[in-house]
Amino acid sequence: MPYIALSSATSCRAACPASAPTYRVPAAWKVSILWALGERPRCRFGELRRQLPGITEKVLAAHLREMEAHGIVHREAYDEVPPRVEYALTEAGQRLNTALGPLGGWGREHVLGGAPHPS
């Protein structure tokens, strides 16, 4: 999902610090990717895609590239045959995931009717 360009984006960020993470993670799929990588620290592309039913390969690959460019996800490519690539959260990604925890709690309570966190 592309960023929405606002003429007063800088002042919006300064006025509302809670909205700042949305400038780095603007799409709902990205929050799901963060959650999935938080649950499984090192994950291959196919494993990650299976954890996110409904996401297409194209969308997942694009979001992972964007998140890597923003320093949220680390991509490790191994020189093997067949090629192997693993994704993991960076320290910044882990902190962002922790910060989104209360939002998940709110969603469980208000959207999912108090359903417990899946273990």
N, C-alpha and C. Protein backbone atom coordinates (compact mmCIF):
# COMPACT_ATOMS: atom_id res chain seq x y z
N MET A 1 0.85 -1.17 0.00
CA MET A 1 0.00 0.00 0.00
C MET A 1 0.89 1.23 0.00
N PRO A 2 0.69 2.13 -0.95
CA PRO A 2 1.55 3.30 -1.01
C PRO A 2 1.26 4.26 0.13
N TYR A 3 2.26 5.06 0.45
CA TYR A 3 2.08 6.09 1.45
C TYR A 3 1.22 7.20 0.88
N ILE A 4 0.39 7.80 1.70
CA ILE A 4 -0.43 8.92 1.28
C ILE A 4 0.36 10.19 1.56
N ALA A 5 0.60 10.96 0.52
CA ALA A 5 1.36 12.19 0.68
C ALA A 5 0.44 13.29 1.20
N LEU A 6 0.78 13.84 2.33
CA LEU A 6 0.03 14.96 2.91
C LEU A 6 0.94 16.16 2.97
N SER A 7 0.41 17.32 2.68
CA SER A 7 1.24 18.52 2.72
C SER A 7 1.69 18.84 4.14
N SER A 8 0.90 18.42 5.13
CA SER A 8 1.26 18.70 6.52
C SER A 8 1.68 17.45 7.26
N ALA A 9 2.29 16.48 6.56
CA ALA A 9 2.66 15.22 7.18
C ALA A 9 3.62 15.42 8.35
N THR A 10 4.57 16.32 8.19
CA THR A 10 5.52 16.55 9.27
C THR A 10 4.82 17.05 10.52
N SER A 11 3.92 18.02 10.36
CA SER A 11 3.22 18.55 11.53
C SER A 11 2.28 17.51 12.12
N CYS A 12 1.70 16.63 11.29
CA CYS A 12 0.84 15.56 11.80
C CYS A 12 1.66 14.61 12.68
N ARG A 13 2.85 14.25 12.25
CA ARG A 13 3.70 13.36 13.02
C ARG A 13 4.09 13.99 14.34
N ALA A 14 4.41 15.27 14.31
CA ALA A 14 4.82 15.95 15.53
C ALA A 14 3.63 16.08 16.49
N ALA A 15 2.44 16.32 15.95
CA ALA A 15 1.27 16.54 16.79
C ALA A 15 0.74 15.24 17.38
N CYS A 16 0.92 14.13 16.69
CA CYS A 16 0.37 12.87 17.16
C CYS A 16 1.43 11.77 17.06
N PRO A 17 2.28 11.63 18.07
CA PRO A 17 3.33 10.61 18.03
C PRO A 17 2.80 9.20 17.87
N ALA A 18 1.57 8.93 18.30
CA ALA A 18 1.01 7.59 18.18
C ALA A 18 0.81 7.19 16.72
N SER A 19 0.72 8.16 15.82
CA SER A 19 0.54 7.84 14.41
C SER A 19 1.87 7.60 13.70
N ALA A 20 2.99 7.91 14.34
CA ALA A 20 4.30 7.77 13.70
C ALA A 20 4.58 6.37 13.15
N PRO A 21 4.25 5.29 13.89
CA PRO A 21 4.52 3.96 13.32
C PRO A 21 3.78 3.70 12.01
N THR A 22 2.67 4.35 11.78
CA THR A 22 1.92 4.11 10.55
C THR A 22 2.65 4.63 9.33
N TYR A 23 3.62 5.52 9.53
CA TYR A 23 4.42 5.99 8.40
C TYR A 23 5.42 4.92 7.97
N ARG A 24 5.76 4.01 8.86
CA ARG A 24 6.67 2.91 8.54
C ARG A 24 5.92 1.63 8.20
N VAL A 25 4.77 1.43 8.78
CA VAL A 25 3.99 0.20 8.59
C VAL A 25 2.56 0.59 8.21
N PRO A 26 2.34 1.05 6.97
CA PRO A 26 1.03 1.59 6.62
C PRO A 26 -0.02 0.57 6.22
N ALA A 27 0.32 -0.68 6.04
CA ALA A 27 -0.65 -1.65 5.53
C ALA A 27 -0.98 -2.72 6.57
N ALA A 28 -2.22 -3.15 6.54
CA ALA A 28 -2.67 -4.18 7.49
C ALA A 28 -1.84 -5.46 7.35
N TRP A 29 -1.46 -5.84 6.13
CA TRP A 29 -0.65 -7.05 5.96
C TRP A 29 0.68 -6.92 6.68
N LYS A 30 1.22 -5.73 6.74
CA LYS A 30 2.52 -5.56 7.39
C LYS A 30 2.42 -5.84 8.88
N VAL A 31 1.33 -5.46 9.49
CA VAL A 31 1.15 -5.76 10.91
C VAL A 31 1.06 -7.27 11.10
N SER A 32 0.39 -7.96 10.19
CA SER A 32 0.29 -9.42 10.26
C SER A 32 1.66 -10.06 10.05
N ILE A 33 2.45 -9.50 9.16
CA ILE A 33 3.81 -10.02 8.93
C ILE A 33 4.65 -9.83 10.19
N LEU A 34 4.54 -8.66 10.82
CA LEU A 34 5.25 -8.43 12.08
C LEU A 34 4.87 -9.47 13.12
N TRP A 35 3.57 -9.71 13.25
CA TRP A 35 3.10 -10.69 14.23
C TRP A 35 3.67 -12.08 13.92
N ALA A 36 3.58 -12.49 12.64
CA ALA A 36 4.06 -13.82 12.25
C ALA A 36 5.55 -13.97 12.52
N LEU A 37 6.34 -12.95 12.19
CA LEU A 37 7.78 -13.03 12.45
C LEU A 37 8.09 -12.96 13.94
N GLY A 38 7.22 -12.34 14.71
CA GLY A 38 7.38 -12.32 16.16
C GLY A 38 7.12 -13.68 16.77
N GLU A 39 6.20 -14.43 16.18
CA GLU A 39 5.87 -15.77 16.66
C GLU A 39 6.94 -16.79 16.29
N ARG A 40 7.57 -16.59 15.15
CA ARG A 40 8.58 -17.52 14.64
C ARG A 40 9.79 -16.69 14.20
N PRO A 41 10.78 -16.57 15.04
CA PRO A 41 11.87 -15.62 14.82
C PRO A 41 12.60 -15.71 13.48
N ARG A 42 12.86 -16.88 12.96
CA ARG A 42 13.51 -17.01 11.65
C ARG A 42 12.56 -17.80 10.77
N CYS A 43 12.18 -17.22 9.65
CA CYS A 43 11.14 -17.83 8.86
C CYS A 43 11.46 -17.72 7.37
N ARG A 44 11.28 -18.80 6.66
CA ARG A 44 11.45 -18.79 5.21
C ARG A 44 10.19 -18.23 4.56
N PHE A 45 10.31 -17.79 3.33
CA PHE A 45 9.21 -17.14 2.62
C PHE A 45 7.96 -18.02 2.59
N GLY A 46 8.11 -19.28 2.21
CA GLY A 46 6.96 -20.19 2.12
C GLY A 46 6.28 -20.41 3.45
N GLU A 47 7.08 -20.54 4.51
CA GLU A 47 6.51 -20.70 5.86
C GLU A 47 5.72 -19.46 6.25
N LEU A 48 6.29 -18.30 5.95
CA LEU A 48 5.63 -17.05 6.27
C LEU A 48 4.31 -16.92 5.51
N ARG A 49 4.33 -17.29 4.26
CA ARG A 49 3.11 -17.21 3.44
C ARG A 49 2.03 -18.15 3.98
N ARG A 50 2.41 -19.33 4.45
CA ARG A 50 1.42 -20.25 5.02
C ARG A 50 0.83 -19.71 6.32
N GLN A 51 1.59 -18.91 7.05
CA GLN A 51 1.08 -18.32 8.29
C GLN A 51 0.11 -17.17 8.03
N LEU A 52 0.07 -16.69 6.78
CA LEU A 52 -0.75 -15.54 6.42
C LEU A 52 -1.72 -15.90 5.30
N PRO A 53 -2.75 -16.70 5.59
CA PRO A 53 -3.68 -17.11 4.56
C PRO A 53 -4.32 -15.90 3.87
N GLY A 54 -4.33 -15.95 2.56
CA GLY A 54 -4.95 -14.87 1.79
C GLY A 54 -3.96 -13.90 1.17
N ILE A 55 -2.73 -13.87 1.68
CA ILE A 55 -1.74 -12.96 1.10
C ILE A 55 -1.15 -13.60 -0.16
N THR A 56 -0.93 -12.79 -1.18
CA THR A 56 -0.34 -13.31 -2.40
C THR A 56 1.18 -13.23 -2.29
N GLU A 57 1.87 -14.02 -3.11
CA GLU A 57 3.33 -13.99 -3.12
C GLU A 57 3.83 -12.59 -3.45
N LYS A 58 3.18 -11.96 -4.42
CA LYS A 58 3.59 -10.63 -4.87
C LYS A 58 3.49 -9.61 -3.73
N VAL A 59 2.38 -9.62 -3.01
CA VAL A 59 2.18 -8.67 -1.92
C VAL A 59 3.15 -8.95 -0.79
N LEU A 60 3.33 -10.22 -0.43
CA LEU A 60 4.25 -10.57 0.64
C LEU A 60 5.67 -10.14 0.29
N ALA A 61 6.11 -10.44 -0.92
CA ALA A 61 7.46 -10.07 -1.34
C ALA A 61 7.64 -8.55 -1.32
N ALA A 62 6.65 -7.81 -1.80
CA ALA A 62 6.75 -6.35 -1.82
C ALA A 62 6.81 -5.79 -0.40
N HIS A 63 5.97 -6.29 0.48
CA HIS A 63 5.97 -5.80 1.86
C HIS A 63 7.28 -6.15 2.57
N LEU A 64 7.79 -7.34 2.36
CA LEU A 64 9.06 -7.71 2.98
C LEU A 64 10.19 -6.81 2.50
N ARG A 65 10.20 -6.49 1.20
CA ARG A 65 11.24 -5.59 0.66
C ARG A 65 11.13 -4.20 1.31
N GLU A 66 9.90 -3.68 1.42
CA GLU A 66 9.70 -2.36 2.04
C GLU A 66 10.12 -2.38 3.51
N MET A 67 9.73 -3.42 4.22
CA MET A 67 10.06 -3.51 5.64
C MET A 67 11.57 -3.67 5.84
N GLU A 68 12.23 -4.36 4.91
CA GLU A 68 13.69 -4.48 4.97
C GLU A 68 14.32 -3.11 4.73
N ALA A 69 13.81 -2.36 3.77
CA ALA A 69 14.33 -1.03 3.47
C ALA A 69 14.17 -0.07 4.65
N HIS A 70 13.13 -0.28 5.46
CA HIS A 70 12.90 0.57 6.63
C HIS A 70 13.61 0.05 7.88
N GLY A 71 14.34 -1.05 7.76
CA GLY A 71 15.09 -1.57 8.90
C GLY A 71 14.26 -2.33 9.91
N ILE A 72 13.10 -2.82 9.49
CA ILE A 72 12.21 -3.55 10.39
C ILE A 72 12.42 -5.06 10.26
N VAL A 73 12.77 -5.50 9.06
CA VAL A 73 12.97 -6.93 8.77
C VAL A 73 14.38 -7.12 8.23
N HIS A 74 15.02 -8.20 8.66
CA HIS A 74 16.34 -8.59 8.14
C HIS A 74 16.16 -9.78 7.21
N ARG A 75 16.77 -9.71 6.04
CA ARG A 75 16.72 -10.80 5.06
C ARG A 75 18.10 -11.43 4.99
N GLU A 76 18.16 -12.74 5.24
CA GLU A 76 19.42 -13.48 5.20
C GLU A 76 19.35 -14.47 4.05
N ALA A 77 20.20 -14.26 3.02
CA ALA A 77 20.26 -15.16 1.87
C ALA A 77 21.47 -16.07 2.02
N TYR A 78 21.24 -17.37 1.90
CA TYR A 78 22.32 -18.35 2.04
C TYR A 78 22.74 -18.82 0.66
N ASP A 79 24.04 -18.98 0.49
CA ASP A 79 24.59 -19.42 -0.80
C ASP A 79 24.51 -20.94 -0.88
N GLU A 80 23.30 -21.43 -1.17
CA GLU A 80 23.03 -22.87 -1.24
C GLU A 80 22.23 -23.18 -2.49
N VAL A 81 22.19 -24.44 -2.82
CA VAL A 81 21.33 -24.92 -3.90
C VAL A 81 20.44 -25.98 -3.30
N PRO A 82 19.12 -25.82 -3.33
CA PRO A 82 18.39 -24.65 -3.83
C PRO A 82 18.59 -23.45 -2.92
N PRO A 83 18.37 -22.25 -3.45
CA PRO A 83 18.57 -21.03 -2.65
C PRO A 83 17.68 -21.03 -1.41
N ARG A 84 18.22 -20.49 -0.32
CA ARG A 84 17.46 -20.41 0.92
C ARG A 84 17.55 -18.98 1.44
N VAL A 85 16.40 -18.42 1.77
CA VAL A 85 16.33 -17.07 2.32
C VAL A 85 15.48 -17.13 3.58
N GLU A 86 15.96 -16.51 4.64
CA GLU A 86 15.20 -16.45 5.89
C GLU A 86 14.98 -14.99 6.26
N TYR A 87 13.83 -14.76 6.88
CA TYR A 87 13.46 -13.42 7.33
C TYR A 87 13.35 -13.42 8.84
N ALA A 88 13.73 -12.31 9.44
CA ALA A 88 13.64 -12.15 10.90
C ALA A 88 13.41 -10.68 11.19
N LEU A 89 12.85 -10.42 12.36
CA LEU A 89 12.68 -9.04 12.79
C LEU A 89 14.03 -8.50 13.25
N THR A 90 14.30 -7.26 12.92
CA THR A 90 15.47 -6.58 13.46
C THR A 90 15.12 -6.15 14.89
N GLU A 91 16.07 -5.55 15.57
CA GLU A 91 15.79 -5.04 16.92
C GLU A 91 14.67 -3.99 16.85
N ALA A 92 14.72 -3.14 15.82
CA ALA A 92 13.67 -2.13 15.65
C ALA A 92 12.32 -2.79 15.38
N GLY A 93 12.33 -3.86 14.60
CA GLY A 93 11.09 -4.59 14.33
C GLY A 93 10.52 -5.24 15.58
N GLN A 94 11.40 -5.76 16.43
CA GLN A 94 10.95 -6.36 17.68
C GLN A 94 10.33 -5.31 18.60
N ARG A 95 10.97 -4.13 18.64
CA ARG A 95 10.41 -3.04 19.47
C ARG A 95 9.06 -2.58 18.93
N LEU A 96 8.94 -2.51 17.60
CA LEU A 96 7.67 -2.12 17.00
C LEU A 96 6.60 -3.16 17.31
N ASN A 97 6.95 -4.43 17.23
CA ASN A 97 6.01 -5.51 17.55
C ASN A 97 5.55 -5.40 19.01
N THR A 98 6.48 -5.10 19.91
CA THR A 98 6.14 -4.92 21.32
C THR A 98 5.19 -3.74 21.49
N ALA A 99 5.48 -2.67 20.78
CA ALA A 99 4.64 -1.47 20.87
C ALA A 99 3.23 -1.73 20.34
N LEU A 100 3.09 -2.62 19.38
CA LEU A 100 1.77 -2.94 18.82
C LEU A 100 0.99 -3.91 19.70
N GLY A 101 1.64 -4.49 20.72
CA GLY A 101 0.97 -5.44 21.63
C GLY A 101 -0.32 -4.90 22.23
N PRO A 102 -0.31 -3.69 22.80
CA PRO A 102 -1.56 -3.16 23.36
C PRO A 102 -2.67 -2.99 22.31
N LEU A 103 -2.29 -2.68 21.08
CA LEU A 103 -3.29 -2.58 20.02
C LEU A 103 -3.92 -3.95 19.76
N GLY A 104 -3.10 -5.00 19.80
CA GLY A 104 -3.63 -6.35 19.66
C GLY A 104 -4.57 -6.71 20.79
N GLY A 105 -4.21 -6.31 22.01
CA GLY A 105 -5.08 -6.54 23.16
C GLY A 105 -6.41 -5.85 23.01
N TRP A 106 -6.36 -4.62 22.52
CA TRP A 106 -7.60 -3.86 22.28
C TRP A 106 -8.45 -4.59 21.24
N GLY A 107 -7.82 -5.06 20.17
CA GLY A 107 -8.55 -5.77 19.12
C GLY A 107 -9.19 -7.05 19.62
N ARG A 108 -8.44 -7.80 20.46
CA ARG A 108 -9.02 -9.02 21.03
C ARG A 108 -10.25 -8.70 21.87
N GLU A 109 -10.16 -7.65 22.66
CA GLU A 109 -11.26 -7.29 23.55
C GLU A 109 -12.46 -6.71 22.80
N HIS A 110 -12.20 -5.79 21.88
CA HIS A 110 -13.28 -5.04 21.26
C HIS A 110 -13.75 -5.57 19.91
N VAL A 111 -12.90 -6.28 19.21
CA VAL A 111 -13.27 -6.80 17.90
C VAL A 111 -13.56 -8.30 17.95
N LEU A 112 -12.73 -9.03 18.66
CA LEU A 112 -12.89 -10.48 18.73
C LEU A 112 -13.67 -10.92 19.96
N GLY A 113 -14.19 -9.99 20.72
CA GLY A 113 -15.02 -10.33 21.88
C GLY A 113 -14.29 -10.99 23.01
N GLY A 114 -13.05 -10.59 23.27
CA GLY A 114 -12.31 -11.13 24.40
C GLY A 114 -11.68 -12.48 24.15
N ALA A 115 -11.54 -12.86 22.87
CA ALA A 115 -10.92 -14.15 22.56
C ALA A 115 -9.47 -14.15 23.08
N PRO A 116 -9.02 -15.24 23.67
CA PRO A 116 -7.65 -15.29 24.20
C PRO A 116 -6.63 -15.27 23.08
N HIS A 117 -5.42 -14.83 23.42
CA HIS A 117 -4.31 -14.83 22.47
C HIS A 117 -3.96 -16.27 22.11
N PRO A 118 -3.84 -16.59 20.80
CA PRO A 118 -3.47 -17.96 20.43
C PRO A 118 -2.06 -18.28 20.86
N SER A 119 -1.84 -19.43 21.45
CA SER A 119 -0.49 -19.80 21.92
C SER A 119 0.22 -20.63 20.92
